[in-house]
Amino acid sequence: MDTTVVDVPEKGRFEVRVGERVVGLASYHVEGSSMALPHTEVDPSMGGRGIGTALVAGVLSAARERGLTVLPYCSFIRHYIQQHPEEVDLVAADDRPHFGLETADR
């Protein structure tokens, strides 16, 4: 399965594609040095294949490459960060308690 994550800034989202088909998205908004991540979704017919995980990994990688912190309003993204504590540094230390991530790096 050829899965790619593509930034589509004119739509304010990252898309995850299988071949040419868009099967999921993560909406975002950048303000200053922060990327707010309010929502992700994956086509239910594609569930259980790691599509959402690939999407979030791609989004967080892009944020890191751009030197941005993230505001993980989306519960799926917060859960991913909890499961991958090496990514918690993308959330500013002062913001971690707001997202329930204050102990994620311990």
PDB file of N, CA and C in Angstrom:
ATOM      1  N   MET A   1       0.853  -1.179   0.000  1.00  0.00           N
ATOM      2  CA  MET A   1       0.000   0.000   0.000  1.00  0.00           C
ATOM      3  C   MET A   1       0.897   1.240   0.000  1.00  0.00           C
ATOM      4  N   ASP A   2       0.811   2.043  -1.050  1.00  0.00           N
ATOM      5  CA  ASP A   2       1.618   3.243  -1.215  1.00  0.00           C
ATOM      6  C   ASP A   2       0.931   4.405  -0.507  1.00  0.00           C
ATOM      7  N   THR A   3       1.375   4.700   0.737  1.00  0.00           N
ATOM      8  CA  THR A   3       0.765   5.748   1.546  1.00  0.00           C
ATOM      9  C   THR A   3       1.692   6.956   1.594  1.00  0.00           C
ATOM     10  N   THR A   4       1.143   8.145   1.311  1.00  0.00           N
ATOM     11  CA  THR A   4       1.912   9.381   1.406  1.00  0.00           C
ATOM     12  C   THR A   4       1.115  10.416   2.180  1.00  0.00           C
ATOM     13  N   VAL A   5       1.838  11.307   2.854  1.00  0.00           N
ATOM     14  CA  VAL A   5       1.231  12.427   3.567  1.00  0.00           C
ATOM     15  C   VAL A   5       1.667  13.694   2.842  1.00  0.00           C
ATOM     16  N   VAL A   6       0.689  14.505   2.465  1.00  0.00           N
ATOM     17  CA  VAL A   6       0.930  15.684   1.646  1.00  0.00           C
ATOM     18  C   VAL A   6       0.318  16.907   2.320  1.00  0.00           C
ATOM     19  N   ASP A   7       1.096  17.988   2.411  1.00  0.00           N
ATOM     20  CA  ASP A   7       0.575  19.253   2.920  1.00  0.00           C
ATOM     21  C   ASP A   7      -0.199  19.944   1.800  1.00  0.00           C
ATOM     22  N   VAL A   8      -1.414  20.364   2.112  1.00  0.00           N
ATOM     23  CA  VAL A   8      -2.247  21.100   1.156  1.00  0.00           C
ATOM     24  C   VAL A   8      -2.604  22.432   1.839  1.00  0.00           C
ATOM     25  N   PRO A   9      -1.639  23.369   1.854  1.00  0.00           N
ATOM     26  CA  PRO A   9      -1.837  24.596   2.636  1.00  0.00           C
ATOM     27  C   PRO A   9      -3.032  25.435   2.198  1.00  0.00           C
ATOM     28  N   GLU A  10      -3.384  25.399   0.910  1.00  0.00           N
ATOM     29  CA  GLU A  10      -4.537  26.188   0.467  1.00  0.00           C
ATOM     30  C   GLU A  10      -5.847  25.675   1.063  1.00  0.00           C
ATOM     31  N   LYS A  11      -5.848  24.435   1.548  1.00  0.00           N
ATOM     32  CA  LYS A  11      -7.024  23.875   2.225  1.00  0.00           C
ATOM     33  C   LYS A  11      -6.822  23.811   3.741  1.00  0.00           C
ATOM     34  N   GLY A  12      -5.622  24.192   4.219  1.00  0.00           N
ATOM     35  CA  GLY A  12      -5.347  24.168   5.651  1.00  0.00           C
ATOM     36  C   GLY A  12      -5.353  22.762   6.218  1.00  0.00           C
ATOM     37  N   ARG A  13      -4.775  21.833   5.457  1.00  0.00           N
ATOM     38  CA  ARG A  13      -4.781  20.458   5.946  1.00  0.00           C
ATOM     39  C   ARG A  13      -3.651  19.638   5.323  1.00  0.00           C
ATOM     40  N   PHE A  14      -3.334  18.587   6.027  1.00  0.00           N
ATOM     41  CA  PHE A  14      -2.490  17.541   5.479  1.00  0.00           C
ATOM     42  C   PHE A  14      -3.432  16.439   5.029  1.00  0.00           C
ATOM     43  N   GLU A  15      -3.110  15.817   3.916  1.00  0.00           N
ATOM     44  CA  GLU A  15      -3.898  14.688   3.432  1.00  0.00           C
ATOM     45  C   GLU A  15      -3.025  13.442   3.444  1.00  0.00           C
ATOM     46  N   VAL A  16      -3.635  12.327   3.786  1.00  0.00           N
ATOM     47  CA  VAL A  16      -2.956  11.046   3.636  1.00  0.00           C
ATOM     48  C   VAL A  16      -3.617  10.372   2.441  1.00  0.00           C
ATOM     49  N   ARG A  17      -2.769   9.903   1.556  1.00  0.00           N
ATOM     50  CA  ARG A  17      -3.259   9.325   0.307  1.00  0.00           C
ATOM     51  C   ARG A  17      -2.741   7.907   0.145  1.00  0.00           C
ATOM     52  N   VAL A  18      -3.589   7.080  -0.414  1.00  0.00           N
ATOM     53  CA  VAL A  18      -3.200   5.742  -0.837  1.00  0.00           C
ATOM     54  C   VAL A  18      -3.260   5.794  -2.352  1.00  0.00           C
ATOM     55  N   GLY A  19      -2.100   5.750  -2.969  1.00  0.00           N
ATOM     56  CA  GLY A  19      -2.043   6.025  -4.398  1.00  0.00           C
ATOM     57  C   GLY A  19      -2.453   7.468  -4.595  1.00  0.00           C
ATOM     58  N   GLU A  20      -3.447   7.711  -5.432  1.00  0.00           N
ATOM     59  CA  GLU A  20      -3.952   9.067  -5.667  1.00  0.00           C
ATOM     60  C   GLU A  20      -5.192   9.385  -4.830  1.00  0.00           C
ATOM     61  N   ARG A  21      -5.703   8.406  -4.098  1.00  0.00           N
ATOM     62  CA  ARG A  21      -6.952   8.578  -3.346  1.00  0.00           C
ATOM     63  C   ARG A  21      -6.695   9.188  -1.971  1.00  0.00           C
ATOM     64  N   VAL A  22      -7.394  10.280  -1.665  1.00  0.00           N
ATOM     65  CA  VAL A  22      -7.324  10.883  -0.336  1.00  0.00           C
ATOM     66  C   VAL A  22      -8.167  10.029   0.610  1.00  0.00           C
ATOM     67  N   VAL A  23      -7.533   9.484   1.647  1.00  0.00           N
ATOM     68  CA  VAL A  23      -8.242   8.606   2.578  1.00  0.00           C
ATOM     69  C   VAL A  23      -8.291   9.176   3.997  1.00  0.00           C
ATOM     70  N   GLY A  24      -7.677  10.337   4.201  1.00  0.00           N
ATOM     71  CA  GLY A  24      -7.724  10.960   5.514  1.00  0.00           C
ATOM     72  C   GLY A  24      -7.137  12.349   5.470  1.00  0.00           C
ATOM     73  N   LEU A  25      -7.376  13.100   6.553  1.00  0.00           N
ATOM     74  CA  LEU A  25      -6.862  14.459   6.622  1.00  0.00           C
ATOM     75  C   LEU A  25      -6.646  14.873   8.062  1.00  0.00           C
ATOM     76  N   ALA A  26      -5.777  15.857   8.212  1.00  0.00           N
ATOM     77  CA  ALA A  26      -5.550  16.511   9.501  1.00  0.00           C
ATOM     78  C   ALA A  26      -5.584  18.006   9.231  1.00  0.00           C
ATOM     79  N   SER A  27      -6.578  18.687   9.783  1.00  0.00           N
ATOM     80  CA  SER A  27      -6.666  20.127   9.577  1.00  0.00           C
ATOM     81  C   SER A  27      -5.677  20.827  10.499  1.00  0.00           C
ATOM     82  N   TYR A  28      -5.202  21.991  10.058  1.00  0.00           N
ATOM     83  CA  TYR A  28      -4.252  22.750  10.858  1.00  0.00           C
ATOM     84  C   TYR A  28      -4.369  24.237  10.576  1.00  0.00           C
ATOM     85  N   HIS A  29      -3.807  24.999  11.506  1.00  0.00           N
ATOM     86  CA  HIS A  29      -3.712  26.444  11.346  1.00  0.00           C
ATOM     87  C   HIS A  29      -2.403  26.864  11.995  1.00  0.00           C
ATOM     88  N   VAL A  30      -1.576  27.580  11.243  1.00  0.00           N
ATOM     89  CA  VAL A  30      -0.311  28.071  11.788  1.00  0.00           C
ATOM     90  C   VAL A  30      -0.463  29.539  12.132  1.00  0.00           C
ATOM     91  N   GLU A  31      -0.076  29.863  13.360  1.00  0.00           N
ATOM     92  CA  GLU A  31      -0.048  31.254  13.802  1.00  0.00           C
ATOM     93  C   GLU A  31       1.251  31.450  14.565  1.00  0.00           C
ATOM     94  N   GLY A  32       2.078  32.338  14.053  1.00  0.00           N
ATOM     95  CA  GLY A  32       3.383  32.549  14.673  1.00  0.00           C
ATOM     96  C   GLY A  32       4.209  31.283  14.563  1.00  0.00           C
ATOM     97  N   SER A  33       4.645  30.778  15.708  1.00  0.00           N
ATOM     98  CA  SER A  33       5.482  29.575  15.719  1.00  0.00           C
ATOM     99  C   SER A  33       4.727  28.337  16.182  1.00  0.00           C
ATOM    100  N   SER A  34       3.395  28.407  16.160  1.00  0.00           N
ATOM    101  CA  SER A  34       2.574  27.280  16.613  1.00  0.00           C
ATOM    102  C   SER A  34       1.666  26.769  15.504  1.00  0.00           C
ATOM    103  N   MET A  35       1.505  25.454  15.491  1.00  0.00           N
ATOM    104  CA  MET A  35       0.581  24.807  14.573  1.00  0.00           C
ATOM    105  C   MET A  35      -0.547  24.191  15.402  1.00  0.00           C
ATOM    106  N   ALA A  36      -1.747  24.751  15.278  1.00  0.00           N
ATOM    107  CA  ALA A  36      -2.915  24.198  15.961  1.00  0.00           C
ATOM    108  C   ALA A  36      -3.443  23.027  15.128  1.00  0.00           C
ATOM    109  N   LEU A  37      -3.738  21.924  15.809  1.00  0.00           N
ATOM    110  CA  LEU A  37      -4.210  20.698  15.148  1.00  0.00           C
ATOM    111  C   LEU A  37      -5.557  20.304  15.751  1.00  0.00           C
ATOM    112  N   PRO A  38      -6.654  20.843  15.199  1.00  0.00           N
ATOM    113  CA  PRO A  38      -7.961  20.608  15.805  1.00  0.00           C
ATOM    114  C   PRO A  38      -8.658  19.308  15.425  1.00  0.00           C
ATOM    115  N   HIS A  39      -8.282  18.699  14.286  1.00  0.00           N
ATOM    116  CA  HIS A  39      -9.121  17.596  13.809  1.00  0.00           C
ATOM    117  C   HIS A  39      -8.357  16.679  12.857  1.00  0.00           C
ATOM    118  N   THR A  40      -8.579  15.388  13.013  1.00  0.00           N
ATOM    119  CA  THR A  40      -8.115  14.402  12.033  1.00  0.00           C
ATOM    120  C   THR A  40      -9.278  13.480  11.715  1.00  0.00           C
ATOM    121  N   GLU A  41      -9.242  12.929  10.528  1.00  0.00           N
ATOM    122  CA  GLU A  41     -10.227  11.904  10.173  1.00  0.00           C
ATOM    123  C   GLU A  41      -9.636  10.988   9.110  1.00  0.00           C
ATOM    124  N   VAL A  42     -10.073   9.741   9.166  1.00  0.00           N
ATOM    125  CA  VAL A  42      -9.661   8.734   8.185  1.00  0.00           C
ATOM    126  C   VAL A  42     -10.920   8.029   7.710  1.00  0.00           C
ATOM    127  N   ASP A  43     -10.963   7.746   6.429  1.00  0.00           N
ATOM    128  CA  ASP A  43     -12.083   7.017   5.838  1.00  0.00           C
ATOM    129  C   ASP A  43     -12.298   5.729   6.646  1.00  0.00           C
ATOM    130  N   PRO A  44     -13.507   5.517   7.190  1.00  0.00           N
ATOM    131  CA  PRO A  44     -13.756   4.324   8.002  1.00  0.00           C
ATOM    132  C   PRO A  44     -13.433   3.008   7.285  1.00  0.00           C
ATOM    133  N   SER A  45     -13.544   2.998   5.973  1.00  0.00           N
ATOM    134  CA  SER A  45     -13.238   1.764   5.240  1.00  0.00           C
ATOM    135  C   SER A  45     -11.749   1.440   5.254  1.00  0.00           C
ATOM    136  N   MET A  46     -10.927   2.406   5.690  1.00  0.00           N
ATOM    137  CA  MET A  46      -9.480   2.212   5.731  1.00  0.00           C
ATOM    138  C   MET A  46      -8.981   1.976   7.152  1.00  0.00           C
ATOM    139  N   GLY A  47      -9.905   1.846   8.101  1.00  0.00           N
ATOM    140  CA  GLY A  47      -9.536   1.669   9.504  1.00  0.00           C
ATOM    141  C   GLY A  47      -8.702   0.423   9.754  1.00  0.00           C
ATOM    142  N   GLY A  48      -7.865   0.511  10.780  1.00  0.00           N
ATOM    143  CA  GLY A  48      -7.063  -0.631  11.200  1.00  0.00           C
ATOM    144  C   GLY A  48      -5.838  -0.910  10.353  1.00  0.00           C
ATOM    145  N   ARG A  49      -5.485   0.016   9.477  1.00  0.00           N
ATOM    146  CA  ARG A  49      -4.336  -0.195   8.588  1.00  0.00           C
ATOM    147  C   ARG A  49      -3.164   0.723   8.897  1.00  0.00           C
ATOM    148  N   GLY A  50      -3.268   1.483   9.987  1.00  0.00           N
ATOM    149  CA  GLY A  50      -2.188   2.390  10.353  1.00  0.00           C
ATOM    150  C   GLY A  50      -2.189   3.699   9.578  1.00  0.00           C
ATOM    151  N   ILE A  51      -3.283   3.984   8.880  1.00  0.00           N
ATOM    152  CA  ILE A  51      -3.366   5.208   8.077  1.00  0.00           C
ATOM    153  C   ILE A  51      -3.324   6.444   8.974  1.00  0.00           C
ATOM    154  N   GLY A  52      -4.099   6.432  10.046  1.00  0.00           N
ATOM    155  CA  GLY A  52      -4.123   7.573  10.971  1.00  0.00           C
ATOM    156  C   GLY A  52      -2.770   7.791  11.618  1.00  0.00           C
ATOM    157  N   THR A  53      -2.115   6.710  11.994  1.00  0.00           N
ATOM    158  CA  THR A  53      -0.784   6.807  12.597  1.00  0.00           C
ATOM    159  C   THR A  53       0.206   7.409  11.607  1.00  0.00           C
ATOM    160  N   ALA A  54       0.162   6.971  10.359  1.00  0.00           N
ATOM    161  CA  ALA A  54       1.052   7.522   9.328  1.00  0.00           C
ATOM    162  C   ALA A  54       0.764   9.008   9.122  1.00  0.00           C
ATOM    163  N   LEU A  55      -0.507   9.378   9.145  1.00  0.00           N
ATOM    164  CA  LEU A  55      -0.897  10.775   8.971  1.00  0.00           C
ATOM    165  C   LEU A  55      -0.312  11.639  10.082  1.00  0.00           C
ATOM    166  N   VAL A  56      -0.527  11.236  11.326  1.00  0.00           N
ATOM    167  CA  VAL A  56      -0.039  12.028  12.456  1.00  0.00           C
ATOM    168  C   VAL A  56       1.490  12.087  12.458  1.00  0.00           C
ATOM    169  N   ALA A  57       2.146  10.982  12.172  1.00  0.00           N
ATOM    170  CA  ALA A  57       3.613  10.984  12.112  1.00  0.00           C
ATOM    171  C   ALA A  57       4.096  11.983  11.065  1.00  0.00           C
ATOM    172  N   GLY A  58       3.435  12.032   9.918  1.00  0.00           N
ATOM    173  CA  GLY A  58       3.805  12.976   8.872  1.00  0.00           C
ATOM    174  C   GLY A  58       3.582  14.419   9.266  1.00  0.00           C
ATOM    175  N   VAL A  59       2.465  14.681   9.926  1.00  0.00           N
ATOM    176  CA  VAL A  59       2.154  16.038  10.379  1.00  0.00           C
ATOM    177  C   VAL A  59       3.186  16.498  11.402  1.00  0.00           C
ATOM    178  N   LEU A  60       3.480  15.649  12.384  1.00  0.00           N
ATOM    179  CA  LEU A  60       4.439  16.036  13.415  1.00  0.00           C
ATOM    180  C   LEU A  60       5.837  16.203  12.841  1.00  0.00           C
ATOM    181  N   SER A  61       6.201  15.380  11.889  1.00  0.00           N
ATOM    182  CA  SER A  61       7.492  15.515  11.223  1.00  0.00           C
ATOM    183  C   SER A  61       7.587  16.864  10.497  1.00  0.00           C
ATOM    184  N   ALA A  62       6.518  17.245   9.816  1.00  0.00           N
ATOM    185  CA  ALA A  62       6.497  18.532   9.114  1.00  0.00           C
ATOM    186  C   ALA A  62       6.614  19.694  10.098  1.00  0.00           C
ATOM    187  N   ALA A  63       5.902  19.602  11.227  1.00  0.00           N
ATOM    188  CA  ALA A  63       5.992  20.653  12.242  1.00  0.00           C
ATOM    189  C   ALA A  63       7.423  20.773  12.753  1.00  0.00           C
ATOM    190  N   ARG A  64       8.057  19.641  13.018  1.00  0.00           N
ATOM    191  CA  ARG A  64       9.439  19.645  13.504  1.00  0.00           C
ATOM    192  C   ARG A  64      10.369  20.266  12.466  1.00  0.00           C
ATOM    193  N   GLU A  65      10.217  19.874  11.207  1.00  0.00           N
ATOM    194  CA  GLU A  65      11.064  20.420  10.142  1.00  0.00           C
ATOM    195  C   GLU A  65      10.908  21.932  10.013  1.00  0.00           C
ATOM    196  N   ARG A  66       9.728  22.439  10.300  1.00  0.00           N
ATOM    197  CA  ARG A  66       9.455  23.878  10.175  1.00  0.00           C
ATOM    198  C   ARG A  66       9.765  24.640  11.465  1.00  0.00           C
ATOM    199  N   GLY A  67      10.193  23.937  12.497  1.00  0.00           N
ATOM    200  CA  GLY A  67      10.521  24.583  13.762  1.00  0.00           C
ATOM    201  C   GLY A  67       9.306  25.076  14.521  1.00  0.00           C
ATOM    202  N   LEU A  68       8.169  24.421  14.339  1.00  0.00           N
ATOM    203  CA  LEU A  68       6.925  24.825  14.991  1.00  0.00           C
ATOM    204  C   LEU A  68       6.635  23.963  16.211  1.00  0.00           C
ATOM    205  N   THR A  69       5.968  24.557  17.197  1.00  0.00           N
ATOM    206  CA  THR A  69       5.380  23.767  18.271  1.00  0.00           C
ATOM    207  C   THR A  69       3.967  23.411  17.829  1.00  0.00           C
ATOM    208  N   VAL A  70       3.379  22.397  18.458  1.00  0.00           N
ATOM    209  CA  VAL A  70       2.033  21.994  18.091  1.00  0.00           C
ATOM    210  C   VAL A  70       1.081  22.162  19.269  1.00  0.00           C
ATOM    211  N   LEU A  71      -0.153  22.425  18.932  1.00  0.00           N
ATOM    212  CA  LEU A  71      -1.255  22.501  19.891  1.00  0.00           C
ATOM    213  C   LEU A  71      -2.198  21.363  19.518  1.00  0.00           C
ATOM    214  N   PRO A  72      -2.065  20.200  20.187  1.00  0.00           N
ATOM    215  CA  PRO A  72      -2.824  19.001  19.793  1.00  0.00           C
ATOM    216  C   PRO A  72      -4.245  18.976  20.354  1.00  0.00           C
ATOM    217  N   TYR A  73      -5.111  19.816  19.804  1.00  0.00           N
ATOM    218  CA  TYR A  73      -6.508  19.831  20.239  1.00  0.00           C
ATOM    219  C   TYR A  73      -7.215  18.525  19.894  1.00  0.00           C
ATOM    220  N   CYS A  74      -6.805  17.884  18.819  1.00  0.00           N
ATOM    221  CA  CYS A  74      -7.394  16.618  18.398  1.00  0.00           C
ATOM    222  C   CYS A  74      -6.976  15.503  19.354  1.00  0.00           C
ATOM    223  N   SER A  75      -7.953  14.755  19.857  1.00  0.00           N
ATOM    224  CA  SER A  75      -7.656  13.681  20.818  1.00  0.00           C
ATOM    225  C   SER A  75      -6.802  12.574  20.205  1.00  0.00           C
ATOM    226  N   PHE A  76      -6.948  12.303  18.922  1.00  0.00           N
ATOM    227  CA  PHE A  76      -6.144  11.264  18.275  1.00  0.00           C
ATOM    228  C   PHE A  76      -4.672  11.674  18.255  1.00  0.00           C
ATOM    229  N   ILE A  77      -4.416  12.933  17.988  1.00  0.00           N
ATOM    230  CA  ILE A  77      -3.035  13.423  17.985  1.00  0.00           C
ATOM    231  C   ILE A  77      -2.465  13.413  19.394  1.00  0.00           C
ATOM    232  N   ARG A  78      -3.252  13.822  20.383  1.00  0.00           N
ATOM    233  CA  ARG A  78      -2.781  13.768  21.785  1.00  0.00           C
ATOM    234  C   ARG A  78      -2.427  12.338  22.160  1.00  0.00           C
ATOM    235  N   HIS A  79      -3.284  11.396  21.798  1.00  0.00           N
ATOM    236  CA  HIS A  79      -3.027   9.993  22.116  1.00  0.00           C
ATOM    237  C   HIS A  79      -1.738   9.515  21.440  1.00  0.00           C
ATOM    238  N   TYR A  80      -1.534   9.898  20.204  1.00  0.00           N
ATOM    239  CA  TYR A  80      -0.307   9.524  19.493  1.00  0.00           C
ATOM    240  C   TYR A  80       0.915  10.040  20.255  1.00  0.00           C
ATOM    241  N   ILE A  81       0.864  11.304  20.690  1.00  0.00           N
ATOM    242  CA  ILE A  81       1.998  11.884  21.421  1.00  0.00           C
ATOM    243  C   ILE A  81       2.210  11.150  22.746  1.00  0.00           C
ATOM    244  N   GLN A  82       1.141  10.778  23.420  1.00  0.00           N
ATOM    245  CA  GLN A  82       1.278  10.011  24.662  1.00  0.00           C
ATOM    246  C   GLN A  82       1.959   8.672  24.399  1.00  0.00           C
ATOM    247  N   GLN A  83       1.656   8.065  23.265  1.00  0.00           N
ATOM    248  CA  GLN A  83       2.233   6.772  22.921  1.00  0.00           C
ATOM    249  C   GLN A  83       3.646   6.895  22.340  1.00  0.00           C
ATOM    250  N   HIS A  84       4.035   8.085  21.941  1.00  0.00           N
ATOM    251  CA  HIS A  84       5.359   8.349  21.361  1.00  0.00           C
ATOM    252  C   HIS A  84       5.984   9.523  22.109  1.00  0.00           C
ATOM    253  N   PRO A  85       6.444   9.287  23.355  1.00  0.00           N
ATOM    254  CA  PRO A  85       6.933  10.387  24.194  1.00  0.00           C
ATOM    255  C   PRO A  85       8.110  11.157  23.584  1.00  0.00           C
ATOM    256  N   GLU A  86       8.773  10.586  22.602  1.00  0.00           N
ATOM    257  CA  GLU A  86       9.857  11.320  21.929  1.00  0.00           C
ATOM    258  C   GLU A  86       9.321  12.522  21.148  1.00  0.00           C
ATOM    259  N   GLU A  87       8.010  12.598  20.975  1.00  0.00           N
ATOM    260  CA  GLU A  87       7.389  13.705  20.244  1.00  0.00           C
ATOM    261  C   GLU A  87       6.851  14.804  21.165  1.00  0.00           C
ATOM    262  N   VAL A  88       6.852  14.565  22.480  1.00  0.00           N
ATOM    263  CA  VAL A  88       6.229  15.528  23.395  1.00  0.00           C
ATOM    264  C   VAL A  88       6.936  16.877  23.373  1.00  0.00           C
ATOM    265  N   ASP A  89       8.198  16.907  22.975  1.00  0.00           N
ATOM    266  CA  ASP A  89       8.903  18.184  22.915  1.00  0.00           C
ATOM    267  C   ASP A  89       8.303  19.128  21.874  1.00  0.00           C
ATOM    268  N   LEU A  90       7.481  18.614  20.978  1.00  0.00           N
ATOM    269  CA  LEU A  90       6.802  19.474  20.006  1.00  0.00           C
ATOM    270  C   LEU A  90       5.702  20.312  20.647  1.00  0.00           C
ATOM    271  N   VAL A  91       5.266  19.916  21.829  1.00  0.00           N
ATOM    272  CA  VAL A  91       4.266  20.685  22.573  1.00  0.00           C
ATOM    273  C   VAL A  91       5.032  21.531  23.588  1.00  0.00           C
ATOM    274  N   ALA A  92       4.859  22.849  23.527  1.00  0.00           N
ATOM    275  CA  ALA A  92       5.564  23.742  24.455  1.00  0.00           C
ATOM    276  C   ALA A  92       5.287  23.297  25.890  1.00  0.00           C
ATOM    277  N   ALA A  93       6.313  23.354  26.724  1.00  0.00           N
ATOM    278  CA  ALA A  93       6.198  22.892  28.112  1.00  0.00           C
ATOM    279  C   ALA A  93       5.015  23.541  28.832  1.00  0.00           C
ATOM    280  N   ASP A  94       4.783  24.818  28.606  1.00  0.00           N
ATOM    281  CA  ASP A  94       3.674  25.511  29.262  1.00  0.00           C
ATOM    282  C   ASP A  94       2.312  25.031  28.778  1.00  0.00           C
ATOM    283  N   ASP A  95       2.258  24.456  27.573  1.00  0.00           N
ATOM    284  CA  ASP A  95       0.991  23.971  27.021  1.00  0.00           C
ATOM    285  C   ASP A  95       0.692  22.524  27.393  1.00  0.00           C
ATOM    286  N   ARG A  96       1.687  21.766  27.814  1.00  0.00           N
ATOM    287  CA  ARG A  96       1.485  20.333  28.077  1.00  0.00           C
ATOM    288  C   ARG A  96       0.398  20.047  29.106  1.00  0.00           C
ATOM    289  N   PRO A  97       0.333  20.770  30.237  1.00  0.00           N
ATOM    290  CA  PRO A  97      -0.745  20.466  31.199  1.00  0.00           C
ATOM    291  C   PRO A  97      -2.140  20.647  30.599  1.00  0.00           C
ATOM    292  N   HIS A  98      -2.307  21.644  29.746  1.00  0.00           N
ATOM    293  CA  HIS A  98      -3.609  21.901  29.117  1.00  0.00           C
ATOM    294  C   HIS A  98      -4.073  20.693  28.289  1.00  0.00           C
ATOM    295  N   PHE A  99      -3.114  19.967  27.714  1.00  0.00           N
ATOM    296  CA  PHE A  99      -3.432  18.825  26.857  1.00  0.00           C
ATOM    297  C   PHE A  99      -3.238  17.491  27.557  1.00  0.00           C
ATOM    298  N   GLY A 100      -3.016  17.516  28.874  1.00  0.00           N
ATOM    299  CA  GLY A 100      -2.837  16.267  29.615  1.00  0.00           C
ATOM    300  C   GLY A 100      -1.525  15.575  29.301  1.00  0.00           C
ATOM    301  N   LEU A 101      -0.519  16.339  28.910  1.00  0.00           N
ATOM    302  CA  LEU A 101       0.761  15.769  28.513  1.00  0.00           C
ATOM    303  C   LEU A 101       1.889  16.126  29.480  1.00  0.00           C
ATOM    304  N   GLU A 102       1.546  16.602  30.675  1.00  0.00           N
ATOM    305  CA  GLU A 102       2.578  17.051  31.588  1.00  0.00           C
ATOM    306  C   GLU A 102       3.531  15.939  32.028  1.00  0.00           C
ATOM    307  N   THR A 103       3.079  14.691  31.980  1.00  0.00           N
ATOM    308  CA  THR A 103       3.957  13.591  32.398  1.00  0.00           C
ATOM    309  C   THR A 103       4.347  12.709  31.233  1.00  0.00           C
ATOM    310  N   ALA A 104       4.018  13.077  30.024  1.00  0.00           N
ATOM    311  CA  ALA A 104       4.271  12.228  28.866  1.00  0.00           C
ATOM    312  C   ALA A 104       5.753  12.046  28.577  1.00  0.00           C
ATOM    313  N   ASP A 105       6.590  12.966  29.059  1.00  0.00           N
ATOM    314  CA  ASP A 105       8.020  12.849  28.772  1.00  0.00           C
ATOM    315  C   ASP A 105       8.776  12.214  29.913  1.00  0.00           C
ATOM    316  N   ARG A 106       8.082  11.622  30.862  1.00  0.00           N
ATOM    317  CA  ARG A 106       8.766  10.989  32.008  1.00  0.00           C
ATOM    318  C   ARG A 106       8.700   9.490  31.925  1.00  0.00           C
TER     319      ARG A 106
END
